[in-house]
Amino acid sequence: MSKKFKDTTVGQLLFGAASIINPTLGNVLQGVTSPKEAIAEITKADVSLDEKIKLQQLIYEQQNKEIESITSRWKADSMSDSWMSKNVRPLVLVWCIVVFSFAGILDSVESIPFQINNTWNDTFEKVMMAVVLAYFGGRTTEKATSMFKK
C-alpha cells in the first residue's frame, strides 16, 4: 500500500512550507494527491506570484533530491561486489517482460482457456510501467550524470 501524498516527504514539506509562506496556500493544497496536482492548485491560487514561485521551486528541489537519492542508491548497487545487487534491476525488468508477454500470448490464443482478469491486467500494467520507467530512467540519469561530471 503506497503512502498518501500528504504523508510523503515532498507532501509534508509542501504542506509545511505552504502554511508558512501563506496560510491560504495551505488551505488550497488540502486534498491534492500528487506534486503535479499541487503545482496546478498553486498556479490557480489567489496569492502573489512571488509566493507561488517560492513554493513551486521548493517542490521541484525536493523532487530532485529524492531522484538523486534513488540514483545514488542504484549507483552504489552497481558498484557493489554482490552479483545480486548489480543485477536485480535488469532481472526484474526481464522477468516482467517475459511474464507480460507470456500472459498476453496465452490470453490471445482462443484454444487455451486462459483469460487475464481486468484487475490483474491493470495492476500488472502499472508494475510494468514503473519497472521500465525506473530502469531506463535510472540508466539515463546515471549516464547523464556521468557525462556532466566529465
N, C-alpha and C. Protein backbone atom coordinates (compact mmCIF):
# COMPACT_ATOMS: atom_id res chain seq x y z
N MET A 1 0.85 -1.18 0.00
CA MET A 1 0.00 0.00 0.00
C MET A 1 0.89 1.24 0.00
N SER A 2 0.66 2.16 -0.91
CA SER A 2 1.51 3.33 -1.02
C SER A 2 1.02 4.43 -0.08
N LYS A 3 1.96 5.33 0.27
CA LYS A 3 1.64 6.45 1.14
C LYS A 3 0.75 7.45 0.41
N LYS A 4 -0.06 8.14 1.18
CA LYS A 4 -0.82 9.25 0.62
C LYS A 4 0.17 10.38 0.38
N PHE A 5 -0.12 11.25 -0.59
CA PHE A 5 0.81 12.33 -0.95
C PHE A 5 1.17 13.18 0.27
N LYS A 6 0.18 13.48 1.12
CA LYS A 6 0.46 14.34 2.27
C LYS A 6 1.39 13.66 3.28
N ASP A 7 1.56 12.34 3.21
CA ASP A 7 2.43 11.61 4.11
C ASP A 7 3.84 11.40 3.56
N THR A 8 4.05 11.75 2.29
CA THR A 8 5.38 11.61 1.69
C THR A 8 6.26 12.77 2.13
N THR A 9 7.56 12.64 1.92
CA THR A 9 8.50 13.70 2.26
C THR A 9 8.16 14.98 1.52
N VAL A 10 7.91 14.85 0.22
CA VAL A 10 7.57 16.03 -0.59
C VAL A 10 6.26 16.63 -0.08
N GLY A 11 5.28 15.81 0.19
CA GLY A 11 4.00 16.30 0.67
C GLY A 11 4.10 17.02 2.00
N GLN A 12 4.83 16.43 2.95
CA GLN A 12 4.98 17.06 4.26
C GLN A 12 5.71 18.40 4.13
N LEU A 13 6.76 18.40 3.34
CA LEU A 13 7.50 19.64 3.13
C LEU A 13 6.61 20.69 2.47
N LEU A 14 5.86 20.26 1.49
CA LEU A 14 4.98 21.17 0.75
C LEU A 14 3.92 21.78 1.66
N PHE A 15 3.22 20.96 2.43
CA PHE A 15 2.16 21.48 3.29
C PHE A 15 2.73 22.39 4.38
N GLY A 16 3.87 22.02 4.94
CA GLY A 16 4.51 22.86 5.96
C GLY A 16 4.94 24.20 5.39
N ALA A 17 5.61 24.14 4.25
CA ALA A 17 6.10 25.37 3.62
C ALA A 17 4.94 26.25 3.15
N ALA A 18 3.92 25.62 2.61
CA ALA A 18 2.76 26.39 2.12
C ALA A 18 2.11 27.16 3.26
N SER A 19 1.97 26.53 4.40
CA SER A 19 1.34 27.18 5.54
C SER A 19 2.19 28.33 6.05
N ILE A 20 3.52 28.17 5.99
CA ILE A 20 4.41 29.24 6.44
C ILE A 20 4.42 30.40 5.43
N ILE A 21 4.53 30.07 4.15
CA ILE A 21 4.59 31.11 3.11
C ILE A 21 3.28 31.90 3.09
N ASN A 22 2.17 31.21 3.11
CA ASN A 22 0.88 31.86 3.08
C ASN A 22 -0.18 30.85 3.51
N PRO A 23 -0.89 31.11 4.63
CA PRO A 23 -1.90 30.15 5.09
C PRO A 23 -2.94 29.80 4.04
N THR A 24 -3.22 30.73 3.12
CA THR A 24 -4.17 30.45 2.04
C THR A 24 -3.68 29.27 1.20
N LEU A 25 -2.37 29.23 0.93
CA LEU A 25 -1.82 28.12 0.14
C LEU A 25 -2.00 26.78 0.87
N GLY A 26 -1.82 26.80 2.18
CA GLY A 26 -2.02 25.57 2.95
C GLY A 26 -3.43 25.03 2.77
N ASN A 27 -4.42 25.93 2.76
CA ASN A 27 -5.81 25.51 2.55
C ASN A 27 -6.06 25.03 1.13
N VAL A 28 -5.43 25.70 0.15
CA VAL A 28 -5.60 25.34 -1.26
C VAL A 28 -5.10 23.92 -1.52
N LEU A 29 -4.07 23.51 -0.79
CA LEU A 29 -3.42 22.22 -1.07
C LEU A 29 -4.08 21.03 -0.36
N GLN A 30 -5.08 21.28 0.46
CA GLN A 30 -5.77 20.17 1.11
C GLN A 30 -6.41 19.28 0.05
N GLY A 31 -6.12 18.00 0.10
CA GLY A 31 -6.75 17.06 -0.83
C GLY A 31 -5.96 16.78 -2.09
N VAL A 32 -4.83 17.49 -2.34
CA VAL A 32 -4.06 17.17 -3.54
C VAL A 32 -3.42 15.81 -3.37
N THR A 33 -3.22 15.11 -4.48
CA THR A 33 -2.72 13.74 -4.41
C THR A 33 -1.36 13.54 -5.07
N SER A 34 -0.79 14.60 -5.67
CA SER A 34 0.50 14.45 -6.34
C SER A 34 1.17 15.82 -6.45
N PRO A 35 2.49 15.82 -6.66
CA PRO A 35 3.18 17.10 -6.87
C PRO A 35 2.60 17.86 -8.06
N LYS A 36 2.27 17.14 -9.13
CA LYS A 36 1.72 17.79 -10.32
C LYS A 36 0.41 18.50 -9.99
N GLU A 37 -0.45 17.82 -9.25
CA GLU A 37 -1.72 18.41 -8.86
C GLU A 37 -1.49 19.60 -7.91
N ALA A 38 -0.50 19.49 -7.03
CA ALA A 38 -0.19 20.58 -6.11
C ALA A 38 0.26 21.81 -6.88
N ILE A 39 1.11 21.62 -7.88
CA ILE A 39 1.59 22.75 -8.68
C ILE A 39 0.42 23.40 -9.43
N ALA A 40 -0.49 22.58 -9.93
CA ALA A 40 -1.66 23.13 -10.63
C ALA A 40 -2.52 23.96 -9.68
N GLU A 41 -2.71 23.47 -8.45
CA GLU A 41 -3.51 24.22 -7.46
C GLU A 41 -2.80 25.49 -7.04
N ILE A 42 -1.49 25.44 -6.89
CA ILE A 42 -0.72 26.64 -6.53
C ILE A 42 -0.87 27.69 -7.63
N THR A 43 -0.79 27.25 -8.87
CA THR A 43 -0.90 28.16 -10.01
C THR A 43 -2.26 28.89 -10.00
N LYS A 44 -3.33 28.17 -9.62
CA LYS A 44 -4.67 28.76 -9.61
C LYS A 44 -4.95 29.59 -8.36
N ALA A 45 -4.12 29.44 -7.31
CA ALA A 45 -4.39 30.08 -6.02
C ALA A 45 -4.36 31.61 -6.13
N ASP A 46 -5.12 32.24 -5.24
CA ASP A 46 -5.21 33.70 -5.21
C ASP A 46 -4.18 34.25 -4.22
N VAL A 47 -2.90 34.08 -4.57
CA VAL A 47 -1.79 34.61 -3.77
C VAL A 47 -0.80 35.27 -4.73
N SER A 48 0.19 35.93 -4.16
CA SER A 48 1.14 36.65 -5.02
C SER A 48 1.96 35.69 -5.87
N LEU A 49 2.41 36.18 -7.00
CA LEU A 49 3.22 35.39 -7.92
C LEU A 49 4.51 34.95 -7.24
N ASP A 50 5.09 35.82 -6.43
CA ASP A 50 6.33 35.50 -5.73
C ASP A 50 6.15 34.30 -4.78
N GLU A 51 5.03 34.26 -4.07
CA GLU A 51 4.75 33.15 -3.16
C GLU A 51 4.54 31.85 -3.94
N LYS A 52 3.87 31.95 -5.07
CA LYS A 52 3.66 30.77 -5.92
C LYS A 52 5.00 30.22 -6.40
N ILE A 53 5.85 31.10 -6.86
CA ILE A 53 7.16 30.68 -7.38
C ILE A 53 8.00 30.03 -6.28
N LYS A 54 8.01 30.63 -5.08
CA LYS A 54 8.78 30.05 -3.96
C LYS A 54 8.35 28.61 -3.69
N LEU A 55 7.05 28.40 -3.62
CA LEU A 55 6.54 27.07 -3.28
C LEU A 55 6.79 26.08 -4.42
N GLN A 56 6.60 26.49 -5.65
CA GLN A 56 6.85 25.60 -6.77
C GLN A 56 8.33 25.22 -6.85
N GLN A 57 9.22 26.16 -6.60
CA GLN A 57 10.65 25.85 -6.58
C GLN A 57 10.97 24.84 -5.48
N LEU A 58 10.33 25.00 -4.35
CA LEU A 58 10.54 24.07 -3.24
C LEU A 58 10.13 22.66 -3.64
N ILE A 59 9.02 22.53 -4.33
CA ILE A 59 8.55 21.22 -4.78
C ILE A 59 9.57 20.60 -5.73
N TYR A 60 10.02 21.37 -6.73
CA TYR A 60 10.97 20.85 -7.71
C TYR A 60 12.29 20.45 -7.05
N GLU A 61 12.77 21.27 -6.12
CA GLU A 61 14.03 20.96 -5.44
C GLU A 61 13.92 19.66 -4.64
N GLN A 62 12.81 19.50 -3.92
CA GLN A 62 12.64 18.29 -3.11
C GLN A 62 12.51 17.04 -3.99
N GLN A 63 11.78 17.17 -5.10
CA GLN A 63 11.65 16.03 -6.01
C GLN A 63 13.02 15.67 -6.58
N ASN A 64 13.81 16.66 -6.94
CA ASN A 64 15.16 16.39 -7.46
C ASN A 64 16.03 15.71 -6.42
N LYS A 65 15.92 16.12 -5.15
CA LYS A 65 16.69 15.47 -4.08
C LYS A 65 16.31 14.00 -3.96
N GLU A 66 15.02 13.70 -4.04
CA GLU A 66 14.57 12.32 -3.93
C GLU A 66 15.07 11.49 -5.11
N ILE A 67 15.03 12.07 -6.32
CA ILE A 67 15.51 11.36 -7.50
C ILE A 67 17.01 11.12 -7.40
N GLU A 68 17.76 12.12 -6.93
CA GLU A 68 19.20 11.96 -6.76
C GLU A 68 19.52 10.89 -5.72
N SER A 69 18.70 10.82 -4.67
CA SER A 69 18.90 9.81 -3.64
C SER A 69 18.71 8.40 -4.20
N ILE A 70 17.67 8.22 -5.01
CA ILE A 70 17.43 6.92 -5.64
C ILE A 70 18.57 6.57 -6.58
N THR A 71 19.00 7.55 -7.37
CA THR A 71 20.09 7.33 -8.32
C THR A 71 21.36 6.95 -7.59
N SER A 72 21.64 7.60 -6.48
CA SER A 72 22.87 7.27 -5.74
C SER A 72 22.79 5.86 -5.14
N ARG A 73 21.61 5.43 -4.72
CA ARG A 73 21.48 4.05 -4.22
C ARG A 73 21.72 3.06 -5.35
N TRP A 74 21.18 3.37 -6.54
CA TRP A 74 21.38 2.48 -7.68
C TRP A 74 22.85 2.44 -8.09
N LYS A 75 23.52 3.58 -8.02
CA LYS A 75 24.96 3.61 -8.34
C LYS A 75 25.73 2.75 -7.35
N ALA A 76 25.39 2.87 -6.07
CA ALA A 76 26.04 2.06 -5.04
C ALA A 76 25.81 0.58 -5.31
N ASP A 77 24.59 0.22 -5.71
CA ASP A 77 24.29 -1.17 -6.05
C ASP A 77 25.16 -1.65 -7.21
N SER A 78 25.30 -0.82 -8.23
CA SER A 78 26.05 -1.24 -9.41
C SER A 78 27.55 -1.34 -9.12
N MET A 79 28.04 -0.62 -8.12
CA MET A 79 29.46 -0.68 -7.79
C MET A 79 29.76 -1.73 -6.72
N SER A 80 28.73 -2.36 -6.21
CA SER A 80 28.88 -3.36 -5.16
C SER A 80 29.56 -4.62 -5.70
N ASP A 81 30.12 -5.39 -4.79
CA ASP A 81 30.73 -6.67 -5.17
C ASP A 81 29.69 -7.78 -5.29
N SER A 82 28.48 -7.50 -4.85
CA SER A 82 27.42 -8.50 -4.86
C SER A 82 26.81 -8.64 -6.25
N TRP A 83 26.76 -9.87 -6.74
CA TRP A 83 26.15 -10.13 -8.04
C TRP A 83 24.67 -9.75 -8.03
N MET A 84 24.00 -10.06 -6.93
CA MET A 84 22.56 -9.81 -6.83
C MET A 84 22.25 -8.31 -6.90
N SER A 85 22.97 -7.49 -6.15
CA SER A 85 22.66 -6.06 -6.15
C SER A 85 22.95 -5.42 -7.51
N LYS A 86 23.92 -5.95 -8.24
CA LYS A 86 24.24 -5.41 -9.57
C LYS A 86 23.19 -5.79 -10.60
N ASN A 87 22.53 -6.91 -10.40
CA ASN A 87 21.67 -7.45 -11.44
C ASN A 87 20.18 -7.47 -11.11
N VAL A 88 19.79 -6.98 -9.96
CA VAL A 88 18.39 -7.08 -9.58
C VAL A 88 17.49 -6.25 -10.50
N ARG A 89 17.88 -5.05 -10.88
CA ARG A 89 17.03 -4.24 -11.77
C ARG A 89 16.88 -4.89 -13.15
N PRO A 90 17.97 -5.29 -13.80
CA PRO A 90 17.78 -5.94 -15.10
C PRO A 90 16.98 -7.24 -15.01
N LEU A 91 17.18 -8.01 -13.94
CA LEU A 91 16.44 -9.26 -13.79
C LEU A 91 14.94 -9.01 -13.60
N VAL A 92 14.59 -8.01 -12.81
CA VAL A 92 13.17 -7.68 -12.61
C VAL A 92 12.57 -7.21 -13.93
N LEU A 93 13.31 -6.42 -14.69
CA LEU A 93 12.84 -5.95 -15.99
C LEU A 93 12.59 -7.14 -16.93
N VAL A 94 13.54 -8.05 -17.02
CA VAL A 94 13.40 -9.23 -17.89
C VAL A 94 12.22 -10.08 -17.42
N TRP A 95 12.11 -10.31 -16.11
CA TRP A 95 11.02 -11.11 -15.58
C TRP A 95 9.67 -10.51 -15.96
N CYS A 96 9.53 -9.18 -15.78
CA CYS A 96 8.26 -8.52 -16.11
C CYS A 96 7.93 -8.66 -17.59
N ILE A 97 8.92 -8.46 -18.44
CA ILE A 97 8.68 -8.57 -19.88
C ILE A 97 8.28 -9.98 -20.26
N VAL A 98 8.96 -10.98 -19.71
CA VAL A 98 8.65 -12.38 -20.02
C VAL A 98 7.24 -12.74 -19.55
N VAL A 99 6.91 -12.41 -18.30
CA VAL A 99 5.59 -12.75 -17.76
C VAL A 99 4.50 -12.01 -18.52
N PHE A 100 4.71 -10.73 -18.78
CA PHE A 100 3.71 -9.93 -19.51
C PHE A 100 3.49 -10.50 -20.91
N SER A 101 4.57 -10.82 -21.60
CA SER A 101 4.46 -11.37 -22.96
C SER A 101 3.79 -12.73 -22.94
N PHE A 102 4.21 -13.60 -22.03
CA PHE A 102 3.64 -14.94 -21.93
C PHE A 102 2.14 -14.89 -21.63
N ALA A 103 1.75 -14.05 -20.68
CA ALA A 103 0.34 -13.92 -20.32
C ALA A 103 -0.46 -13.36 -21.51
N GLY A 104 0.12 -12.40 -22.22
CA GLY A 104 -0.56 -11.83 -23.38
C GLY A 104 -0.77 -12.85 -24.47
N ILE A 105 0.24 -13.68 -24.70
CA ILE A 105 0.13 -14.73 -25.73
C ILE A 105 -0.93 -15.74 -25.33
N LEU A 106 -0.87 -16.20 -24.06
CA LEU A 106 -1.87 -17.17 -23.59
C LEU A 106 -3.29 -16.61 -23.68
N ASP A 107 -3.43 -15.35 -23.33
CA ASP A 107 -4.75 -14.72 -23.35
C ASP A 107 -5.29 -14.56 -24.77
N SER A 108 -4.40 -14.44 -25.74
CA SER A 108 -4.86 -14.20 -27.12
C SER A 108 -5.13 -15.47 -27.91
N VAL A 109 -4.68 -16.63 -27.44
CA VAL A 109 -4.93 -17.89 -28.15
C VAL A 109 -6.29 -18.43 -27.70
N GLU A 110 -7.21 -18.51 -28.64
CA GLU A 110 -8.59 -18.87 -28.31
C GLU A 110 -8.74 -20.32 -27.83
N SER A 111 -7.85 -21.21 -28.26
CA SER A 111 -7.99 -22.62 -27.87
C SER A 111 -7.48 -22.88 -26.45
N ILE A 112 -6.83 -21.91 -25.84
CA ILE A 112 -6.34 -22.07 -24.46
C ILE A 112 -7.29 -21.32 -23.54
N PRO A 113 -7.86 -22.02 -22.55
CA PRO A 113 -8.84 -21.37 -21.66
C PRO A 113 -8.15 -20.52 -20.58
N PHE A 114 -7.52 -19.46 -21.00
CA PHE A 114 -6.80 -18.57 -20.08
C PHE A 114 -7.21 -17.13 -20.39
N GLN A 115 -7.62 -16.41 -19.36
CA GLN A 115 -8.01 -15.02 -19.56
C GLN A 115 -7.49 -14.20 -18.39
N ILE A 116 -6.88 -13.06 -18.72
CA ILE A 116 -6.36 -12.16 -17.70
C ILE A 116 -7.52 -11.32 -17.17
N ASN A 117 -7.72 -11.36 -15.88
CA ASN A 117 -8.74 -10.55 -15.24
C ASN A 117 -8.36 -9.08 -15.36
N ASN A 118 -9.34 -8.19 -15.55
CA ASN A 118 -9.06 -6.76 -15.71
C ASN A 118 -8.28 -6.18 -14.54
N THR A 119 -8.58 -6.63 -13.34
CA THR A 119 -7.85 -6.13 -12.16
C THR A 119 -6.37 -6.47 -12.26
N TRP A 120 -6.06 -7.69 -12.63
CA TRP A 120 -4.66 -8.09 -12.77
C TRP A 120 -4.00 -7.38 -13.95
N ASN A 121 -4.75 -7.20 -15.01
CA ASN A 121 -4.23 -6.52 -16.18
C ASN A 121 -3.81 -5.09 -15.82
N ASP A 122 -4.67 -4.37 -15.12
CA ASP A 122 -4.36 -3.00 -14.70
C ASP A 122 -3.17 -2.98 -13.74
N THR A 123 -3.18 -3.89 -12.79
CA THR A 123 -2.10 -3.95 -11.81
C THR A 123 -0.77 -4.24 -12.48
N PHE A 124 -0.76 -5.25 -13.34
CA PHE A 124 0.50 -5.61 -13.99
C PHE A 124 0.97 -4.52 -14.94
N GLU A 125 0.02 -3.84 -15.58
CA GLU A 125 0.39 -2.72 -16.46
C GLU A 125 1.12 -1.64 -15.67
N LYS A 126 0.62 -1.32 -14.48
CA LYS A 126 1.25 -0.30 -13.65
C LYS A 126 2.63 -0.75 -13.18
N VAL A 127 2.74 -2.01 -12.78
CA VAL A 127 4.03 -2.55 -12.36
C VAL A 127 5.02 -2.51 -13.51
N MET A 128 4.57 -2.94 -14.67
CA MET A 128 5.44 -2.96 -15.85
C MET A 128 5.91 -1.56 -16.21
N MET A 129 5.00 -0.60 -16.19
CA MET A 129 5.38 0.78 -16.50
C MET A 129 6.38 1.31 -15.48
N ALA A 130 6.15 1.04 -14.20
CA ALA A 130 7.06 1.52 -13.16
C ALA A 130 8.45 0.91 -13.33
N VAL A 131 8.51 -0.39 -13.61
CA VAL A 131 9.81 -1.06 -13.76
C VAL A 131 10.55 -0.54 -14.98
N VAL A 132 9.87 -0.43 -16.10
CA VAL A 132 10.52 0.06 -17.32
C VAL A 132 10.98 1.50 -17.16
N LEU A 133 10.11 2.35 -16.61
CA LEU A 133 10.49 3.75 -16.41
C LEU A 133 11.63 3.88 -15.41
N ALA A 134 11.57 3.11 -14.33
CA ALA A 134 12.63 3.18 -13.33
C ALA A 134 13.96 2.69 -13.91
N TYR A 135 13.91 1.59 -14.65
CA TYR A 135 15.16 1.05 -15.19
C TYR A 135 15.77 1.99 -16.22
N PHE A 136 14.98 2.33 -17.24
CA PHE A 136 15.53 3.16 -18.31
C PHE A 136 15.72 4.60 -17.86
N GLY A 137 14.82 5.10 -17.00
CA GLY A 137 15.00 6.45 -16.45
C GLY A 137 16.24 6.51 -15.56
N GLY A 138 16.42 5.48 -14.76
CA GLY A 138 17.60 5.42 -13.89
C GLY A 138 18.89 5.32 -14.69
N ARG A 139 18.88 4.49 -15.72
CA ARG A 139 20.07 4.35 -16.58
C ARG A 139 20.37 5.67 -17.30
N THR A 140 19.32 6.33 -17.77
CA THR A 140 19.51 7.62 -18.46
C THR A 140 20.08 8.65 -17.50
N THR A 141 19.55 8.68 -16.27
CA THR A 141 20.05 9.62 -15.27
C THR A 141 21.50 9.33 -14.92
N GLU A 142 21.83 8.05 -14.77
CA GLU A 142 23.22 7.67 -14.48
C GLU A 142 24.15 8.13 -15.59
N LYS A 143 23.76 7.90 -16.84
CA LYS A 143 24.59 8.29 -17.99
C LYS A 143 24.72 9.81 -18.06
N ALA A 144 23.61 10.52 -17.89
CA ALA A 144 23.63 11.99 -17.96
C ALA A 144 24.51 12.56 -16.85
N THR A 145 24.39 12.01 -15.65
CA THR A 145 25.19 12.49 -14.53
C THR A 145 26.67 12.27 -14.79
N SER A 146 27.03 11.10 -15.30
CA SER A 146 28.45 10.84 -15.58
C SER A 146 28.97 11.73 -16.71
N MET A 147 28.13 12.05 -17.68
CA MET A 147 28.55 12.94 -18.77
C MET A 147 28.77 14.35 -18.27
N PHE A 148 27.89 14.84 -17.38
CA PHE A 148 28.02 16.20 -16.86
C PHE A 148 29.23 16.32 -15.94
N LYS A 149 29.56 15.25 -15.22
CA LYS A 149 30.72 15.29 -14.33
C LYS A 149 32.03 15.35 -15.11
N LYS A 150 32.03 14.77 -16.33
CA LYS A 150 33.23 14.82 -17.17
C LYS A 150 33.32 16.17 -17.80
